Amino acid sequence: MKTNSNNSKILKVALYTSPLIGILAITPLFIVRAAPYHIYPRSILSTTLIIFLAWMINLALVNYWNKFEFRKNIHKISRYFASYLLSASFILIAMRTRKLIFESLHTSSEISSSHSPYATLAMAISLNTVILILLDLLLLREKKTKVEIENARLKQKNSEALYQQLKQQIHPHFLFNSLNTLKALINKSPDAAEDYLVTLSDFLRMSVSAGNDHMVKTEDELKMCLDYLKMQKIRYGEALQFYADIPEEIAQTRFVPFFSLQLLSENAIKHNVLTNETPLQIKMAYNEGWITVSNNIRPKLTTEATTGTGLINLADRYKILSGDEIQIHTTAEQFSVSIKVLKI
């Protein structure tokens, strides 16, 4: 199918260029009065036909040579040799035959007698060289297009595989932290632990239902994030405060990566001290196409061991899905991460 498509493109180029090459080849002979003007139209038509047939010979050689496995250099050299042997010879014979036909019709010679067979041979070689150059340019462009398409396909496959790998890291990461929280609550407050477990069950049910999606509606991601924060509030009480200010229209029509807002909220809780005196405040706000998740900085005196995969994971996923970078801003008092909402 691709070969037929390529042949069709070359055939179109041959149809367009044959008259142009014919005009360029014949016109100088009439400018220098090497042939009478009254046979100019016939010369153009006959030369155009000869050049078009030479195109077809070269195209047939390309299709024939592609059936065999050659090294690149040998492939080109052998094809060029066959081209000059067949196509240039055809042009030479056709032009000499045309000259004899014109003379037999008792017309003036198309080309003056001063033009030796060597001049005709030089023209035949020149015309075939022009055809070879144009043909190789077409083949090179077609090859480049195929390579670009294949690269795009492989890149898409690689992105898909990487996305699946990154996404699979989310559930174990989240469950590990959730179970640690549940363990702490069981000893501290069994009733709160029970509420936490029910909320966790609902949260996981929702996350699994959307787990096969690369992107989710902002309203769905926001709901999961708020459910997550409600679970954390069961543990931390007034030490955790959170706010969301995202227009309903944006939430219903724009998309964000799955588990993105939740991960940023989890990251804030993980790296800060939460106390009733200095509560952690997490804010989610929309502004000009971006959702920013920010929190006040209350650094822990002792830093927990961490691989730092959470934020890196989100940045990598967002890059794969949108091609954009997330924006991270840090000041002495505040840490924020902004992601651009997408319209699919």
Protein backbone atom coordinates (compact mmCIF):
# COMPACT_ATOMS: atom_id res chain seq x y z
CA MET A 1 0.00 0.00 0.00
CA LYS A 2 2.79 2.41 0.94
CA THR A 3 4.72 1.47 -2.23
CA ASN A 4 1.67 2.24 -4.38
CA SER A 5 1.22 5.56 -2.59
CA ASN A 6 4.88 6.42 -3.14
CA ASN A 7 4.65 5.46 -6.83
CA SER A 8 1.60 7.69 -7.23
CA LYS A 9 3.47 10.65 -5.78
CA ILE A 10 6.45 10.05 -8.09
CA LEU A 11 4.11 9.66 -11.06
CA LYS A 12 2.51 13.04 -10.31
CA VAL A 13 5.91 14.69 -10.06
CA ALA A 14 6.91 13.07 -13.35
CA LEU A 15 3.80 14.46 -15.04
CA TYR A 16 4.46 17.95 -13.69
CA THR A 17 8.19 18.09 -14.33
CA SER A 18 8.45 16.38 -17.72
CA PRO A 19 7.06 19.38 -19.68
CA LEU A 20 9.23 21.80 -17.68
CA ILE A 21 12.39 19.78 -18.25
CA GLY A 22 11.47 19.39 -21.90
CA ILE A 23 11.05 23.15 -22.35
CA LEU A 24 14.33 23.87 -20.55
CA ALA A 25 16.16 21.27 -22.66
CA ILE A 26 14.82 22.32 -26.07
CA THR A 27 14.41 26.10 -25.80
CA PRO A 28 18.17 26.95 -25.90
CA LEU A 29 18.47 25.18 -29.28
CA PHE A 30 15.87 27.50 -30.77
CA ILE A 31 17.28 30.57 -29.07
CA VAL A 32 20.62 30.01 -30.83
CA ARG A 33 18.75 29.11 -34.05
CA ALA A 34 20.03 25.54 -34.02
CA ALA A 35 16.57 24.49 -35.21
CA PRO A 36 13.71 26.22 -37.06
CA TYR A 37 10.93 27.71 -34.97
CA HIS A 38 8.03 25.95 -36.69
CA ILE A 39 8.98 22.56 -35.23
CA TYR A 40 9.29 23.97 -31.68
CA PRO A 41 5.86 22.70 -30.46
CA ARG A 42 6.49 19.21 -31.83
CA SER A 43 9.93 19.19 -30.25
CA ILE A 44 8.49 20.14 -26.86
CA LEU A 45 5.83 17.42 -27.04
CA SER A 46 8.21 14.71 -28.18
CA THR A 47 10.86 15.67 -25.61
CA THR A 48 8.24 15.73 -22.85
CA LEU A 49 7.14 12.22 -23.81
CA ILE A 50 10.74 10.97 -23.90
CA ILE A 51 11.47 12.45 -20.47
CA PHE A 52 8.28 11.04 -18.98
CA LEU A 53 9.14 7.57 -20.26
CA ALA A 54 12.63 8.00 -18.79
CA TRP A 55 10.96 8.79 -15.46
CA MET A 56 9.00 5.54 -15.73
CA ILE A 57 12.17 3.57 -16.46
CA ASN A 58 13.86 5.01 -13.37
CA LEU A 59 10.77 4.37 -11.24
CA ALA A 60 10.65 0.76 -12.45
CA LEU A 61 14.33 0.38 -11.53
CA VAL A 62 13.67 1.71 -8.02
CA ASN A 63 10.81 -0.75 -7.49
CA TYR A 64 12.86 -3.61 -8.89
CA TRP A 65 15.98 -2.80 -6.85
CA ASN A 66 13.94 -2.52 -3.65
CA LYS A 67 13.11 -6.22 -3.92
CA PHE A 68 16.72 -7.11 -3.23
CA GLU A 69 18.85 -6.69 -0.13
CA PHE A 70 21.93 -4.61 -0.87
CA ARG A 71 24.22 -2.59 1.25
CA LYS A 72 23.24 1.06 0.98
CA ASN A 73 26.18 2.19 -1.18
CA ILE A 74 26.04 -0.85 -3.46
CA HIS A 75 22.29 -0.38 -3.85
CA LYS A 76 22.69 3.20 -5.08
CA ILE A 77 25.68 2.58 -7.32
CA SER A 78 24.10 -0.42 -9.02
CA ARG A 79 20.82 1.45 -9.53
CA TYR A 80 22.61 4.49 -10.97
CA PHE A 81 24.58 2.28 -13.33
CA ALA A 82 21.40 0.57 -14.53
CA SER A 83 19.69 3.95 -14.87
CA TYR A 84 22.34 5.40 -17.14
CA LEU A 85 22.57 2.17 -19.07
CA LEU A 86 18.83 1.91 -19.71
CA SER A 87 17.27 5.33 -19.25
CA ALA A 88 20.04 7.44 -20.78
CA SER A 89 20.36 4.96 -23.63
CA PHE A 90 16.61 5.17 -24.19
CA ILE A 91 16.75 8.98 -24.28
CA LEU A 92 19.66 8.89 -26.70
CA ILE A 93 17.97 6.39 -29.03
CA ALA A 94 14.62 8.20 -28.82
CA MET A 95 16.16 11.58 -29.65
CA ARG A 96 18.15 10.20 -32.57
CA THR A 97 15.06 8.37 -33.84
CA ARG A 98 13.00 11.54 -33.55
CA LYS A 99 15.59 13.42 -35.58
CA LEU A 100 15.47 10.81 -38.33
CA ILE A 101 11.67 10.90 -38.37
CA PHE A 102 11.61 14.67 -38.71
CA GLU A 103 14.10 14.49 -41.54
CA SER A 104 12.15 11.72 -43.29
CA LEU A 105 9.09 13.96 -43.23
CA HIS A 106 11.08 16.44 -45.33
CA THR A 107 11.20 18.98 -42.56
CA SER A 108 14.28 20.83 -41.63
CA SER A 109 16.48 19.02 -39.18
CA GLU A 110 15.36 19.62 -35.63
CA ILE A 111 18.97 19.90 -34.66
CA SER A 112 21.50 21.24 -37.03
CA SER A 113 24.07 18.91 -38.53
CA SER A 114 26.73 20.61 -36.45
CA HIS A 115 25.31 18.81 -33.42
CA SER A 116 27.17 15.52 -33.34
CA PRO A 117 25.92 12.32 -31.70
CA TYR A 118 28.17 13.22 -28.77
CA ALA A 119 26.11 16.35 -28.14
CA THR A 120 22.95 14.24 -28.15
CA LEU A 121 24.63 11.76 -25.78
CA ALA A 122 25.58 14.60 -23.43
CA MET A 123 21.99 15.84 -23.44
CA ALA A 124 20.70 12.32 -22.74
CA ILE A 125 23.06 11.92 -19.78
CA SER A 126 22.17 15.40 -18.50
CA LEU A 127 18.43 14.78 -18.69
CA ASN A 128 18.76 11.43 -16.93
CA THR A 129 20.90 13.06 -14.23
CA VAL A 130 18.19 15.64 -13.59
CA ILE A 131 15.60 12.86 -13.31
CA LEU A 132 17.83 10.91 -10.90
CA ILE A 133 18.35 13.96 -8.70
CA LEU A 134 14.62 14.69 -8.51
CA LEU A 135 13.81 11.03 -7.91
CA ASP A 136 16.36 10.72 -5.10
CA LEU A 137 15.01 13.88 -3.48
CA LEU A 138 11.52 12.38 -3.54
CA LEU A 139 12.75 9.07 -2.12
CA LEU A 140 14.74 10.87 0.57
CA ARG A 141 11.71 12.95 1.59
CA GLU A 142 9.54 9.84 1.67
CA LYS A 143 12.12 8.02 3.79
CA LYS A 144 12.37 10.98 6.15
CA THR A 145 8.58 11.05 6.49
CA LYS A 146 8.51 7.33 7.30
CA VAL A 147 11.25 7.75 9.90
CA GLU A 148 9.41 10.67 11.51
CA ILE A 149 6.16 8.69 11.62
CA GLU A 150 7.94 5.68 13.10
CA ASN A 151 9.73 7.85 15.65
CA ALA A 152 6.42 9.45 16.63
CA ARG A 153 4.83 6.01 16.98
CA LEU A 154 7.70 4.71 19.10
CA LYS A 155 7.68 7.87 21.20
CA GLN A 156 3.96 7.43 21.80
CA LYS A 157 4.48 3.80 22.79
CA ASN A 158 7.36 4.73 25.06
CA SER A 159 5.31 7.51 26.64
CA GLU A 160 2.43 5.12 27.19
CA ALA A 161 4.69 2.53 28.81
CA LEU A 162 6.37 5.15 30.98
CA TYR A 163 3.02 6.58 32.00
CA GLN A 164 1.74 3.15 33.02
CA GLN A 165 4.92 2.54 35.00
CA LEU A 166 4.66 5.88 36.76
CA LYS A 167 0.94 5.43 37.45
CA GLN A 168 1.56 2.03 39.04
CA GLN A 169 3.86 3.68 41.56
CA ILE A 170 1.00 5.82 42.89
CA HIS A 171 -1.25 3.22 44.53
CA PRO A 172 1.49 1.44 46.53
CA HIS A 173 2.87 4.82 47.57
CA PHE A 174 -0.52 6.07 48.72
CA LEU A 175 -1.57 2.82 50.39
CA PHE A 176 1.67 2.62 52.34
CA ASN A 177 1.08 6.07 53.84
CA SER A 178 -2.63 5.40 54.43
CA LEU A 179 -1.98 2.16 56.28
CA ASN A 180 0.62 3.86 58.44
CA THR A 181 -1.97 6.51 59.30
CA LEU A 182 -4.60 3.87 60.04
CA LYS A 183 -2.16 2.00 62.26
CA ALA A 184 -1.50 5.14 64.27
CA LEU A 185 -5.22 5.89 64.62
CA ILE A 186 -6.10 2.41 65.83
CA ASN A 187 -3.95 2.88 68.92
CA LYS A 188 -4.88 6.51 69.43
CA SER A 189 -8.59 6.65 68.57
CA PRO A 190 -10.43 3.52 67.43
CA ASP A 191 -13.58 5.48 66.50
CA ALA A 192 -11.58 7.85 64.32
CA ALA A 193 -9.82 4.84 62.82
CA GLU A 194 -13.18 3.34 61.86
CA ASP A 195 -14.31 6.58 60.19
CA TYR A 196 -10.96 6.78 58.47
CA LEU A 197 -11.28 3.22 57.15
CA VAL A 198 -14.77 3.88 55.73
CA THR A 199 -13.57 7.06 54.03
CA LEU A 200 -10.47 5.25 52.74
CA SER A 201 -12.66 2.50 51.28
CA ASP A 202 -14.82 5.05 49.43
CA PHE A 203 -11.74 6.89 48.26
CA LEU A 204 -10.10 3.74 46.88
CA ARG A 205 -13.30 2.71 45.13
CA MET A 206 -13.42 6.05 43.34
CA SER A 207 -9.73 6.02 42.48
CA VAL A 208 -9.91 2.50 41.03
CA SER A 209 -12.86 3.46 38.81
CA ALA A 210 -10.76 6.26 37.30
CA GLY A 211 -7.48 4.39 37.46
CA ASN A 212 -7.35 3.55 33.76
CA ASP A 213 -7.68 7.17 32.68
CA HIS A 214 -4.63 9.25 31.87
CA MET A 215 -6.51 12.43 32.59
CA VAL A 216 -9.58 13.02 34.73
CA LYS A 217 -12.00 15.89 35.00
CA THR A 218 -10.85 18.48 37.45
CA GLU A 219 -14.03 18.02 39.50
CA ASP A 220 -13.33 14.28 39.90
CA GLU A 221 -9.72 14.85 40.88
CA LEU A 222 -10.78 17.62 43.25
CA LYS A 223 -13.34 15.34 44.91
CA MET A 224 -10.72 12.62 45.44
CA CYS A 225 -8.30 15.19 46.82
CA LEU A 226 -10.87 16.59 49.23
CA ASP A 227 -11.78 13.08 50.37
CA TYR A 228 -8.11 12.44 51.01
CA LEU A 229 -7.80 15.64 53.01
CA LYS A 230 -10.90 14.73 55.02
CA MET A 231 -9.21 11.45 55.92
CA GLN A 232 -6.14 13.34 57.05
CA LYS A 233 -8.26 15.74 59.07
CA ILE A 234 -9.63 12.78 61.01
CA ARG A 235 -6.06 12.23 62.14
CA TYR A 236 -4.81 15.79 62.56
CA GLY A 237 -7.97 17.67 63.53
CA GLU A 238 -7.62 21.46 63.61
CA ALA A 239 -3.93 21.17 62.80
CA LEU A 240 -4.91 20.74 59.17
CA GLN A 241 -6.93 23.31 57.23
CA PHE A 242 -7.71 23.21 53.53
CA TYR A 243 -9.53 25.38 51.03
CA ALA A 244 -10.52 24.98 47.38
CA ASP A 245 -11.45 27.84 45.06
CA ILE A 246 -11.93 26.40 41.58
CA PRO A 247 -14.82 27.67 39.40
CA GLU A 248 -17.45 25.03 38.68
CA GLU A 249 -17.22 25.64 34.93
CA ILE A 250 -13.48 24.95 34.98
CA ALA A 251 -13.91 21.90 37.18
CA GLN A 252 -16.44 20.40 34.78
CA THR A 253 -14.68 21.15 31.48
CA ARG A 254 -10.94 21.00 32.19
CA PHE A 255 -8.72 18.01 32.89
CA VAL A 256 -5.71 17.30 35.08
CA PRO A 257 -3.50 14.21 35.52
CA PHE A 258 -4.98 11.47 37.65
CA PHE A 259 -3.97 11.76 41.35
CA SER A 260 -2.23 15.11 40.78
CA LEU A 261 -3.98 17.37 43.31
CA GLN A 262 -4.06 14.57 45.87
CA LEU A 263 -0.34 13.97 45.50
CA LEU A 264 0.47 17.66 46.01
CA SER A 265 -1.69 17.75 49.13
CA GLU A 266 -0.04 14.59 50.43
CA ASN A 267 3.35 16.10 49.74
CA ALA A 268 2.47 19.16 51.84
CA ILE A 269 1.36 17.03 54.78
CA LYS A 270 4.39 14.80 54.55
CA HIS A 271 7.00 17.55 54.73
CA ASN A 272 5.50 19.90 57.33
CA VAL A 273 4.71 19.96 61.03
CA LEU A 274 0.99 20.03 61.85
CA THR A 275 -0.01 21.53 65.20
CA ASN A 276 -3.09 23.32 66.49
CA GLU A 277 -0.96 26.38 67.24
CA THR A 278 0.49 26.57 63.72
CA PRO A 279 -1.90 24.62 61.49
CA LEU A 280 -0.91 23.57 58.00
CA GLN A 281 -2.99 25.44 55.45
CA ILE A 282 -3.41 23.90 52.01
CA LYS A 283 -5.04 26.04 49.34
CA MET A 284 -6.13 25.04 45.85
CA ALA A 285 -6.95 27.95 43.58
CA TYR A 286 -7.54 28.52 39.87
CA ASN A 287 -6.03 31.46 38.02
CA GLU A 288 -5.78 32.02 34.26
CA GLY A 289 -5.60 28.40 33.18
CA TRP A 290 -3.53 27.14 36.11
CA ILE A 291 -4.43 25.38 39.34
CA THR A 292 -2.03 26.19 42.15
CA VAL A 293 -1.73 24.05 45.25
CA SER A 294 0.06 26.03 47.95
CA ASN A 295 0.85 25.55 51.61
CA ASN A 296 2.53 27.51 54.35
CA ILE A 297 5.93 26.15 55.29
CA ARG A 298 6.24 24.58 58.73
CA PRO A 299 9.34 22.42 58.26
CA LYS A 300 9.90 19.37 60.39
CA LEU A 301 12.88 19.43 62.72
CA THR A 302 13.78 15.92 61.62
CA THR A 303 13.27 14.99 57.99
CA GLU A 304 11.74 11.61 57.23
CA ALA A 305 13.57 9.38 54.81
CA THR A 306 12.11 9.99 51.37
CA THR A 307 12.91 9.06 47.80
CA GLY A 308 11.36 12.26 46.45
CA THR A 309 9.50 10.26 43.83
CA GLY A 310 6.12 11.90 44.44
CA LEU A 311 6.73 15.32 42.90
CA ILE A 312 9.11 13.89 40.30
CA ASN A 313 6.45 11.34 39.39
CA LEU A 314 3.88 14.08 38.84
CA ALA A 315 6.30 16.21 36.81
CA ASP A 316 7.16 13.24 34.58
CA ARG A 317 3.52 12.25 34.07
CA TYR A 318 2.50 15.81 33.29
CA LYS A 319 5.34 16.16 30.79
CA ILE A 320 4.26 12.96 29.03
CA LEU A 321 0.58 13.88 28.90
CA SER A 322 0.78 17.55 28.00
CA GLY A 323 4.34 18.37 26.96
CA ASP A 324 4.37 21.18 29.55
CA GLU A 325 6.30 21.59 32.77
CA ILE A 326 4.79 22.04 36.19
CA GLN A 327 5.75 25.27 37.96
CA ILE A 328 7.30 25.11 41.42
CA HIS A 329 7.72 28.23 43.55
CA THR A 330 9.30 28.39 46.98
CA THR A 331 9.63 31.32 49.38
CA ALA A 332 10.56 31.51 53.03
CA GLU A 333 6.89 31.28 54.01
CA GLN A 334 5.18 29.36 51.22
CA PHE A 335 5.61 26.44 48.84
CA SER A 336 3.41 26.12 45.75
CA VAL A 337 3.08 23.95 42.67
CA SER A 338 1.06 25.01 39.63
CA ILE A 339 -0.25 22.73 36.89
CA LYS A 340 -1.93 23.92 33.74
CA VAL A 341 -5.43 22.55 33.28
CA LEU A 342 -6.02 20.95 29.90
CA LYS A 343 -8.96 20.99 27.53
CA ILE A 344 -9.37 17.68 25.76
